[in-house]
Amino acid sequence: MRDYELVFIVNPQIVEEDLEGVIKKVSQLISNSGGEVTEVNPWGRRRLAYPINRFREGTYVTTKLRLNPASASELERNLKLTEEVIRYLLVKIGD
């Protein structure tokens, strides 16, 4: 298992009360891929550097996780299919 950091941007039309549900959904995707979430840090709503799907702002969330490298592509595929997530970046931490 390797350490990863996942940063994802949630659709700004998702209200603050429903954000916890989106974070749980992403955590469930990580668990289904055989990983474990070690830390979740919501940054809040921020202005985007450029429009994504005609949105000018979004809610940023960072997540630290442990995952098998073979399962990373499965997680990324599922994140692409998640409608609430408009952009994500999965980065390996360390060696």
PDB file of N, CA and C in Angstrom:
ATOM      1  N   MET A   1       0.848  -1.174   0.000  1.00  0.00           N
ATOM      2  CA  MET A   1       0.000   0.000   0.000  1.00  0.00           C
ATOM      3  C   MET A   1       0.896   1.240   0.000  1.00  0.00           C
ATOM      4  N   ARG A   2       0.511   2.208  -0.794  1.00  0.00           N
ATOM      5  CA  ARG A   2       1.242   3.473  -0.880  1.00  0.00           C
ATOM      6  C   ARG A   2       0.375   4.609  -0.361  1.00  0.00           C
ATOM      7  N   ASP A   3       1.052   5.688   0.014  1.00  0.00           N
ATOM      8  CA  ASP A   3       0.348   6.887   0.460  1.00  0.00           C
ATOM      9  C   ASP A   3       0.060   7.780  -0.739  1.00  0.00           C
ATOM     10  N   TYR A   4      -1.163   8.295  -0.806  1.00  0.00           N
ATOM     11  CA  TYR A   4      -1.594   9.193  -1.861  1.00  0.00           C
ATOM     12  C   TYR A   4      -2.279  10.402  -1.248  1.00  0.00           C
ATOM     13  N   GLU A   5      -2.304  11.484  -2.017  1.00  0.00           N
ATOM     14  CA  GLU A   5      -3.106  12.644  -1.666  1.00  0.00           C
ATOM     15  C   GLU A   5      -4.056  12.906  -2.826  1.00  0.00           C
ATOM     16  N   LEU A   6      -5.322  13.039  -2.502  1.00  0.00           N
ATOM     17  CA  LEU A   6      -6.360  13.301  -3.492  1.00  0.00           C
ATOM     18  C   LEU A   6      -6.945  14.672  -3.222  1.00  0.00           C
ATOM     19  N   VAL A   7      -6.900  15.528  -4.224  1.00  0.00           N
ATOM     20  CA  VAL A   7      -7.560  16.833  -4.150  1.00  0.00           C
ATOM     21  C   VAL A   7      -8.673  16.802  -5.182  1.00  0.00           C
ATOM     22  N   PHE A   8      -9.890  17.094  -4.737  1.00  0.00           N
ATOM     23  CA  PHE A   8     -10.992  17.135  -5.691  1.00  0.00           C
ATOM     24  C   PHE A   8     -11.835  18.376  -5.464  1.00  0.00           C
ATOM     25  N   ILE A   9     -12.456  18.825  -6.561  1.00  0.00           N
ATOM     26  CA  ILE A   9     -13.297  20.018  -6.537  1.00  0.00           C
ATOM     27  C   ILE A   9     -14.742  19.572  -6.734  1.00  0.00           C
ATOM     28  N   VAL A  10     -15.582  19.992  -5.802  1.00  0.00           N
ATOM     29  CA  VAL A  10     -16.996  19.618  -5.827  1.00  0.00           C
ATOM     30  C   VAL A  10     -17.786  20.712  -6.548  1.00  0.00           C
ATOM     31  N   ASN A  11     -18.747  20.294  -7.327  1.00  0.00           N
ATOM     32  CA  ASN A  11     -19.651  21.188  -8.046  1.00  0.00           C
ATOM     33  C   ASN A  11     -20.183  22.270  -7.100  1.00  0.00           C
ATOM     34  N   PRO A  12     -20.110  23.550  -7.480  1.00  0.00           N
ATOM     35  CA  PRO A  12     -20.550  24.617  -6.581  1.00  0.00           C
ATOM     36  C   PRO A  12     -22.066  24.644  -6.344  1.00  0.00           C
ATOM     37  N   GLN A  13     -22.832  23.917  -7.137  1.00  0.00           N
ATOM     38  CA  GLN A  13     -24.274  23.866  -6.922  1.00  0.00           C
ATOM     39  C   GLN A  13     -24.653  22.943  -5.762  1.00  0.00           C
ATOM     40  N   ILE A  14     -23.681  22.181  -5.267  1.00  0.00           N
ATOM     41  CA  ILE A  14     -23.912  21.339  -4.098  1.00  0.00           C
ATOM     42  C   ILE A  14     -23.870  22.242  -2.867  1.00  0.00           C
ATOM     43  N   VAL A  15     -24.937  22.256  -2.100  1.00  0.00           N
ATOM     44  CA  VAL A  15     -24.997  23.122  -0.918  1.00  0.00           C
ATOM     45  C   VAL A  15     -24.110  22.549   0.186  1.00  0.00           C
ATOM     46  N   GLU A  16     -23.759  23.401   1.133  1.00  0.00           N
ATOM     47  CA  GLU A  16     -22.831  23.034   2.204  1.00  0.00           C
ATOM     48  C   GLU A  16     -23.317  21.820   3.006  1.00  0.00           C
ATOM     49  N   GLU A  17     -24.632  21.709   3.193  1.00  0.00           N
ATOM     50  CA  GLU A  17     -25.175  20.586   3.954  1.00  0.00           C
ATOM     51  C   GLU A  17     -24.973  19.252   3.244  1.00  0.00           C
ATOM     52  N   ASP A  18     -24.963  19.264   1.912  1.00  0.00           N
ATOM     53  CA  ASP A  18     -24.792  18.030   1.134  1.00  0.00           C
ATOM     54  C   ASP A  18     -23.332  17.696   0.863  1.00  0.00           C
ATOM     55  N   LEU A  19     -22.423  18.583   1.228  1.00  0.00           N
ATOM     56  CA  LEU A  19     -20.997  18.351   0.979  1.00  0.00           C
ATOM     57  C   LEU A  19     -20.497  17.129   1.740  1.00  0.00           C
ATOM     58  N   GLU A  20     -20.984  16.941   2.954  1.00  0.00           N
ATOM     59  CA  GLU A  20     -20.567  15.785   3.756  1.00  0.00           C
ATOM     60  C   GLU A  20     -20.936  14.481   3.048  1.00  0.00           C
ATOM     61  N   GLY A  21     -22.083  14.457   2.384  1.00  0.00           N
ATOM     62  CA  GLY A  21     -22.491  13.275   1.632  1.00  0.00           C
ATOM     63  C   GLY A  21     -21.572  12.985   0.454  1.00  0.00           C
ATOM     64  N   VAL A  22     -21.105  14.034  -0.220  1.00  0.00           N
ATOM     65  CA  VAL A  22     -20.176  13.858  -1.341  1.00  0.00           C
ATOM     66  C   VAL A  22     -18.840  13.334  -0.818  1.00  0.00           C
ATOM     67  N   ILE A  23     -18.378  13.865   0.310  1.00  0.00           N
ATOM     68  CA  ILE A  23     -17.114  13.400   0.891  1.00  0.00           C
ATOM     69  C   ILE A  23     -17.231  11.930   1.295  1.00  0.00           C
ATOM     70  N   LYS A  24     -18.375  11.539   1.857  1.00  0.00           N
ATOM     71  CA  LYS A  24     -18.598  10.135   2.218  1.00  0.00           C
ATOM     72  C   LYS A  24     -18.632   9.252   0.981  1.00  0.00           C
ATOM     73  N   LYS A  25     -19.210   9.769  -0.096  1.00  0.00           N
ATOM     74  CA  LYS A  25     -19.281   9.010  -1.349  1.00  0.00           C
ATOM     75  C   LYS A  25     -17.877   8.754  -1.901  1.00  0.00           C
ATOM     76  N   VAL A  26     -17.020   9.772  -1.886  1.00  0.00           N
ATOM     77  CA  VAL A  26     -15.641   9.615  -2.359  1.00  0.00           C
ATOM     78  C   VAL A  26     -14.877   8.672  -1.433  1.00  0.00           C
ATOM     79  N   SER A  27     -15.093   8.783  -0.127  1.00  0.00           N
ATOM     80  CA  SER A  27     -14.448   7.868   0.827  1.00  0.00           C
ATOM     81  C   SER A  27     -14.892   6.430   0.574  1.00  0.00           C
ATOM     82  N   GLN A  28     -16.154   6.249   0.216  1.00  0.00           N
ATOM     83  CA  GLN A  28     -16.652   4.910  -0.101  1.00  0.00           C
ATOM     84  C   GLN A  28     -16.000   4.376  -1.379  1.00  0.00           C
ATOM     85  N   LEU A  29     -15.782   5.242  -2.361  1.00  0.00           N
ATOM     86  CA  LEU A  29     -15.079   4.821  -3.583  1.00  0.00           C
ATOM     87  C   LEU A  29     -13.665   4.348  -3.248  1.00  0.00           C
ATOM     88  N   ILE A  30     -13.004   5.052  -2.336  1.00  0.00           N
ATOM     89  CA  ILE A  30     -11.653   4.660  -1.923  1.00  0.00           C
ATOM     90  C   ILE A  30     -11.695   3.312  -1.215  1.00  0.00           C
ATOM     91  N   SER A  31     -12.655   3.125  -0.333  1.00  0.00           N
ATOM     92  CA  SER A  31     -12.794   1.851   0.390  1.00  0.00           C
ATOM     93  C   SER A  31     -13.106   0.710  -0.573  1.00  0.00           C
ATOM     94  N   ASN A  32     -13.959   0.964  -1.549  1.00  0.00           N
ATOM     95  CA  ASN A  32     -14.310  -0.068  -2.531  1.00  0.00           C
ATOM     96  C   ASN A  32     -13.124  -0.454  -3.396  1.00  0.00           C
ATOM     97  N   SER A  33     -12.158   0.448  -3.547  1.00  0.00           N
ATOM     98  CA  SER A  33     -10.951   0.160  -4.322  1.00  0.00           C
ATOM     99  C   SER A  33      -9.886  -0.522  -3.472  1.00  0.00           C
ATOM    100  N   GLY A  34     -10.206  -0.808  -2.223  1.00  0.00           N
ATOM    101  CA  GLY A  34      -9.256  -1.495  -1.352  1.00  0.00           C
ATOM    102  C   GLY A  34      -8.360  -0.560  -0.564  1.00  0.00           C
ATOM    103  N   GLY A  35      -8.697   0.716  -0.493  1.00  0.00           N
ATOM    104  CA  GLY A  35      -7.870   1.680   0.221  1.00  0.00           C
ATOM    105  C   GLY A  35      -8.485   2.101   1.532  1.00  0.00           C
ATOM    106  N   GLU A  36      -7.779   2.977   2.226  1.00  0.00           N
ATOM    107  CA  GLU A  36      -8.292   3.519   3.477  1.00  0.00           C
ATOM    108  C   GLU A  36      -7.987   5.010   3.543  1.00  0.00           C
ATOM    109  N   VAL A  37      -8.946   5.763   4.004  1.00  0.00           N
ATOM    110  CA  VAL A  37      -8.801   7.212   4.148  1.00  0.00           C
ATOM    111  C   VAL A  37      -8.142   7.488   5.494  1.00  0.00           C
ATOM    112  N   THR A  38      -7.055   8.295   5.486  1.00  0.00           N
ATOM    113  CA  THR A  38      -6.377   8.621   6.736  1.00  0.00           C
ATOM    114  C   THR A  38      -6.687  10.031   7.209  1.00  0.00           C
ATOM    115  N   GLU A  39      -7.044  10.930   6.279  1.00  0.00           N
ATOM    116  CA  GLU A  39      -7.326  12.315   6.667  1.00  0.00           C
ATOM    117  C   GLU A  39      -8.181  12.983   5.599  1.00  0.00           C
ATOM    118  N   VAL A  40      -9.141  13.794   6.031  1.00  0.00           N
ATOM    119  CA  VAL A  40      -9.986  14.575   5.120  1.00  0.00           C
ATOM    120  C   VAL A  40      -9.953  16.023   5.591  1.00  0.00           C
ATOM    121  N   ASN A  41      -9.694  16.941   4.660  1.00  0.00           N
ATOM    122  CA  ASN A  41      -9.593  18.353   5.007  1.00  0.00           C
ATOM    123  C   ASN A  41     -10.352  19.192   3.976  1.00  0.00           C
ATOM    124  N   PRO A  42     -11.602  19.590   4.266  1.00  0.00           N
ATOM    125  CA  PRO A  42     -12.326  20.479   3.342  1.00  0.00           C
ATOM    126  C   PRO A  42     -11.765  21.897   3.420  1.00  0.00           C
ATOM    127  N   TRP A  43     -11.406  22.455   2.276  1.00  0.00           N
ATOM    128  CA  TRP A  43     -10.858  23.814   2.216  1.00  0.00           C
ATOM    129  C   TRP A  43     -11.949  24.863   2.108  1.00  0.00           C
ATOM    130  N   GLY A  44     -13.110  24.484   1.616  1.00  0.00           N
ATOM    131  CA  GLY A  44     -14.182  25.443   1.420  1.00  0.00           C
ATOM    132  C   GLY A  44     -14.268  25.902  -0.024  1.00  0.00           C
ATOM    133  N   ARG A  45     -15.157  26.841  -0.262  1.00  0.00           N
ATOM    134  CA  ARG A  45     -15.402  27.335  -1.607  1.00  0.00           C
ATOM    135  C   ARG A  45     -14.322  28.320  -2.020  1.00  0.00           C
ATOM    136  N   ARG A  46     -13.770  28.104  -3.217  1.00  0.00           N
ATOM    137  CA  ARG A  46     -12.714  28.958  -3.757  1.00  0.00           C
ATOM    138  C   ARG A  46     -13.016  29.285  -5.216  1.00  0.00           C
ATOM    139  N   ARG A  47     -12.457  30.384  -5.664  1.00  0.00           N
ATOM    140  CA  ARG A  47     -12.564  30.771  -7.068  1.00  0.00           C
ATOM    141  C   ARG A  47     -11.586  29.926  -7.872  1.00  0.00           C
ATOM    142  N   LEU A  48     -12.024  29.424  -9.021  1.00  0.00           N
ATOM    143  CA  LEU A  48     -11.177  28.609  -9.896  1.00  0.00           C
ATOM    144  C   LEU A  48     -10.285  29.503 -10.743  1.00  0.00           C
ATOM    145  N   ALA A  49      -9.128  29.000 -11.113  1.00  0.00           N
ATOM    146  CA  ALA A  49      -8.210  29.758 -11.952  1.00  0.00           C
ATOM    147  C   ALA A  49      -8.778  29.945 -13.361  1.00  0.00           C
ATOM    148  N   TYR A  50      -9.564  28.985 -13.801  1.00  0.00           N
ATOM    149  CA  TYR A  50     -10.219  29.058 -15.107  1.00  0.00           C
ATOM    150  C   TYR A  50     -11.539  28.300 -15.012  1.00  0.00           C
ATOM    151  N   PRO A  51     -12.504  28.615 -15.865  1.00  0.00           N
ATOM    152  CA  PRO A  51     -13.809  27.939 -15.773  1.00  0.00           C
ATOM    153  C   PRO A  51     -13.700  26.446 -16.082  1.00  0.00           C
ATOM    154  N   ILE A  52     -14.393  25.654 -15.294  1.00  0.00           N
ATOM    155  CA  ILE A  52     -14.503  24.210 -15.517  1.00  0.00           C
ATOM    156  C   ILE A  52     -15.984  23.910 -15.648  1.00  0.00           C
ATOM    157  N   ASN A  53     -16.390  23.403 -16.799  1.00  0.00           N
ATOM    158  CA  ASN A  53     -17.809  23.119 -17.068  1.00  0.00           C
ATOM    159  C   ASN A  53     -18.690  24.335 -16.782  1.00  0.00           C
ATOM    160  N   ARG A  54     -18.225  25.498 -17.141  1.00  0.00           N
ATOM    161  CA  ARG A  54     -18.902  26.788 -16.964  1.00  0.00           C
ATOM    162  C   ARG A  54     -19.022  27.232 -15.509  1.00  0.00           C
ATOM    163  N   PHE A  55     -18.337  26.561 -14.591  1.00  0.00           N
ATOM    164  CA  PHE A  55     -18.320  26.975 -13.196  1.00  0.00           C
ATOM    165  C   PHE A  55     -17.096  27.833 -12.946  1.00  0.00           C
ATOM    166  N   ARG A  56     -17.261  28.903 -12.187  1.00  0.00           N
ATOM    167  CA  ARG A  56     -16.153  29.797 -11.864  1.00  0.00           C
ATOM    168  C   ARG A  56     -15.617  29.579 -10.452  1.00  0.00           C
ATOM    169  N   GLU A  57     -16.334  28.790  -9.644  1.00  0.00           N
ATOM    170  CA  GLU A  57     -15.849  28.459  -8.311  1.00  0.00           C
ATOM    171  C   GLU A  57     -16.276  27.048  -7.964  1.00  0.00           C
ATOM    172  N   GLY A  58     -15.645  26.504  -6.932  1.00  0.00           N
ATOM    173  CA  GLY A  58     -15.956  25.155  -6.494  1.00  0.00           C
ATOM    174  C   GLY A  58     -15.490  24.959  -5.068  1.00  0.00           C
ATOM    175  N   THR A  59     -15.902  23.862  -4.471  1.00  0.00           N
ATOM    176  CA  THR A  59     -15.508  23.538  -3.108  1.00  0.00           C
ATOM    177  C   THR A  59     -14.361  22.539  -3.159  1.00  0.00           C
ATOM    178  N   TYR A  60     -13.216  22.936  -2.610  1.00  0.00           N
ATOM    179  CA  TYR A  60     -12.022  22.097  -2.614  1.00  0.00           C
ATOM    180  C   TYR A  60     -12.001  21.191  -1.389  1.00  0.00           C
ATOM    181  N   VAL A  61     -11.572  19.939  -1.593  1.00  0.00           N
ATOM    182  CA  VAL A  61     -11.418  18.981  -0.500  1.00  0.00           C
ATOM    183  C   VAL A  61     -10.120  18.214  -0.742  1.00  0.00           C
ATOM    184  N   THR A  62      -9.272  18.108   0.292  1.00  0.00           N
ATOM    185  CA  THR A  62      -8.069  17.275   0.193  1.00  0.00           C
ATOM    186  C   THR A  62      -8.279  16.038   1.062  1.00  0.00           C
ATOM    187  N   THR A  63      -7.766  14.925   0.569  1.00  0.00           N
ATOM    188  CA  THR A  63      -7.891  13.656   1.270  1.00  0.00           C
ATOM    189  C   THR A  63      -6.557  12.933   1.195  1.00  0.00           C
ATOM    190  N   LYS A  64      -6.082  12.448   2.323  1.00  0.00           N
ATOM    191  CA  LYS A  64      -4.898  11.587   2.340  1.00  0.00           C
ATOM    192  C   LYS A  64      -5.386  10.169   2.512  1.00  0.00           C
ATOM    193  N   LEU A  65      -4.775   9.242   1.754  1.00  0.00           N
ATOM    194  CA  LEU A  65      -5.246   7.871   1.748  1.00  0.00           C
ATOM    195  C   LEU A  65      -4.110   6.901   1.502  1.00  0.00           C
ATOM    196  N   ARG A  66      -4.370   5.645   1.811  1.00  0.00           N
ATOM    197  CA  ARG A  66      -3.455   4.542   1.501  1.00  0.00           C
ATOM    198  C   ARG A  66      -4.181   3.630   0.527  1.00  0.00           C
ATOM    199  N   LEU A  67      -3.459   3.238  -0.548  1.00  0.00           N
ATOM    200  CA  LEU A  67      -4.101   2.491  -1.623  1.00  0.00           C
ATOM    201  C   LEU A  67      -3.064   1.662  -2.353  1.00  0.00           C
ATOM    202  N   ASN A  68      -3.467   0.497  -2.847  1.00  0.00           N
ATOM    203  CA  ASN A  68      -2.593  -0.290  -3.711  1.00  0.00           C
ATOM    204  C   ASN A  68      -2.423   0.429  -5.044  1.00  0.00           C
ATOM    205  N   PRO A  69      -1.212   0.458  -5.597  1.00  0.00           N
ATOM    206  CA  PRO A  69      -1.010   1.151  -6.880  1.00  0.00           C
ATOM    207  C   PRO A  69      -1.880   0.611  -8.006  1.00  0.00           C
ATOM    208  N   ALA A  70      -2.177  -0.670  -7.993  1.00  0.00           N
ATOM    209  CA  ALA A  70      -3.009  -1.256  -9.047  1.00  0.00           C
ATOM    210  C   ALA A  70      -4.451  -0.754  -8.969  1.00  0.00           C
ATOM    211  N   SER A  71      -4.888  -0.320  -7.805  1.00  0.00           N
ATOM    212  CA  SER A  71      -6.259   0.148  -7.625  1.00  0.00           C
ATOM    213  C   SER A  71      -6.431   1.630  -7.922  1.00  0.00           C
ATOM    214  N   ALA A  72      -5.340   2.346  -8.132  1.00  0.00           N
ATOM    215  CA  ALA A  72      -5.412   3.790  -8.360  1.00  0.00           C
ATOM    216  C   ALA A  72      -6.180   4.116  -9.643  1.00  0.00           C
ATOM    217  N   SER A  73      -5.962   3.347 -10.697  1.00  0.00           N
ATOM    218  CA  SER A  73      -6.667   3.626 -11.959  1.00  0.00           C
ATOM    219  C   SER A  73      -8.169   3.368 -11.814  1.00  0.00           C
ATOM    220  N   GLU A  74      -8.544   2.363 -11.025  1.00  0.00           N
ATOM    221  CA  GLU A  74      -9.965   2.089 -10.773  1.00  0.00           C
ATOM    222  C   GLU A  74     -10.607   3.244 -10.009  1.00  0.00           C
ATOM    223  N   LEU A  75      -9.886   3.781  -9.031  1.00  0.00           N
ATOM    224  CA  LEU A  75     -10.390   4.926  -8.273  1.00  0.00           C
ATOM    225  C   LEU A  75     -10.566   6.139  -9.186  1.00  0.00           C
ATOM    226  N   GLU A  76      -9.590   6.405 -10.038  1.00  0.00           N
ATOM    227  CA  GLU A  76      -9.684   7.543 -10.952  1.00  0.00           C
ATOM    228  C   GLU A  76     -10.850   7.376 -11.925  1.00  0.00           C
ATOM    229  N   ARG A  77     -11.076   6.171 -12.394  1.00  0.00           N
ATOM    230  CA  ARG A  77     -12.203   5.914 -13.298  1.00  0.00           C
ATOM    231  C   ARG A  77     -13.526   6.219 -12.600  1.00  0.00           C
ATOM    232  N   ASN A  78     -13.640   5.791 -11.339  1.00  0.00           N
ATOM    233  CA  ASN A  78     -14.871   6.057 -10.589  1.00  0.00           C
ATOM    234  C   ASN A  78     -15.045   7.541 -10.291  1.00  0.00           C
ATOM    235  N   LEU A  79     -13.946   8.265 -10.051  1.00  0.00           N
ATOM    236  CA  LEU A  79     -14.049   9.700  -9.811  1.00  0.00           C
ATOM    237  C   LEU A  79     -14.530  10.437 -11.060  1.00  0.00           C
ATOM    238  N   LYS A  80     -14.102   9.971 -12.234  1.00  0.00           N
ATOM    239  CA  LYS A  80     -14.564  10.588 -13.481  1.00  0.00           C
ATOM    240  C   LYS A  80     -16.070  10.425 -13.658  1.00  0.00           C
ATOM    241  N   LEU A  81     -16.619   9.323 -13.156  1.00  0.00           N
ATOM    242  CA  LEU A  81     -18.041   9.038 -13.303  1.00  0.00           C
ATOM    243  C   LEU A  81     -18.900   9.707 -12.239  1.00  0.00           C
ATOM    244  N   THR A  82     -18.267  10.250 -11.198  1.00  0.00           N
ATOM    245  CA  THR A  82     -19.006  10.907 -10.119  1.00  0.00           C
ATOM    246  C   THR A  82     -19.395  12.310 -10.569  1.00  0.00           C
ATOM    247  N   GLU A  83     -20.689  12.573 -10.656  1.00  0.00           N
ATOM    248  CA  GLU A  83     -21.180  13.843 -11.190  1.00  0.00           C
ATOM    249  C   GLU A  83     -20.841  15.039 -10.310  1.00  0.00           C
ATOM    250  N   GLU A  84     -20.780  14.845  -8.991  1.00  0.00           N
ATOM    251  CA  GLU A  84     -20.536  15.961  -8.080  1.00  0.00           C
ATOM    252  C   GLU A  84     -19.090  16.458  -8.138  1.00  0.00           C
ATOM    253  N   VAL A  85     -18.161  15.604  -8.564  1.00  0.00           N
ATOM    254  CA  VAL A  85     -16.743  15.976  -8.642  1.00  0.00           C
ATOM    255  C   VAL A  85     -16.465  16.506 -10.042  1.00  0.00           C
ATOM    256  N   ILE A  86     -16.056  17.794 -10.119  1.00  0.00           N
ATOM    257  CA  ILE A  86     -15.813  18.373 -11.443  1.00  0.00           C
ATOM    258  C   ILE A  86     -14.343  18.286 -11.852  1.00  0.00           C
ATOM    259  N   ARG A  87     -13.438  18.096 -10.891  1.00  0.00           N
ATOM    260  CA  ARG A  87     -12.019  17.929 -11.207  1.00  0.00           C
ATOM    261  C   ARG A  87     -11.350  17.256 -10.023  1.00  0.00           C
ATOM    262  N   TYR A  88     -10.316  16.464 -10.280  1.00  0.00           N
ATOM    263  CA  TYR A  88      -9.575  15.792  -9.211  1.00  0.00           C
ATOM    264  C   TYR A  88      -8.121  15.647  -9.605  1.00  0.00           C
ATOM    265  N   LEU A  89      -7.275  15.417  -8.607  1.00  0.00           N
ATOM    266  CA  LEU A  89      -5.859  15.137  -8.830  1.00  0.00           C
ATOM    267  C   LEU A  89      -5.415  14.152  -7.771  1.00  0.00           C
ATOM    268  N   LEU A  90      -4.916  13.005  -8.199  1.00  0.00           N
ATOM    269  CA  LEU A  90      -4.416  11.973  -7.299  1.00  0.00           C
ATOM    270  C   LEU A  90      -2.903  11.922  -7.437  1.00  0.00           C
ATOM    271  N   VAL A  91      -2.186  12.170  -6.331  1.00  0.00           N
ATOM    272  CA  VAL A  91      -0.730  12.260  -6.352  1.00  0.00           C
ATOM    273  C   VAL A  91      -0.145  11.292  -5.349  1.00  0.00           C
ATOM    274  N   LYS A  92       0.898  10.553  -5.766  1.00  0.00           N
ATOM    275  CA  LYS A  92       1.599   9.646  -4.864  1.00  0.00           C
ATOM    276  C   LYS A  92       2.515  10.473  -3.964  1.00  0.00           C
ATOM    277  N   ILE A  93       2.515  10.165  -2.664  1.00  0.00           N
ATOM    278  CA  ILE A  93       3.364  10.875  -1.697  1.00  0.00           C
ATOM    279  C   ILE A  93       4.551   9.989  -1.358  1.00  0.00           C
ATOM    280  N   GLY A  94       5.727  10.546  -1.324  1.00  0.00           N
ATOM    281  CA  GLY A  94       6.913   9.795  -0.926  1.00  0.00           C
ATOM    282  C   GLY A  94       7.506   9.018  -2.080  1.00  0.00           C
ATOM    283  N   ASP A  95       8.295   7.999  -1.725  1.00  0.00           N
ATOM    284  CA  ASP A  95       9.030   7.202  -2.728  1.00  0.00           C
ATOM    285  C   ASP A  95       8.131   6.327  -3.503  1.00  0.00           C
TER     286      ASP A  95
END
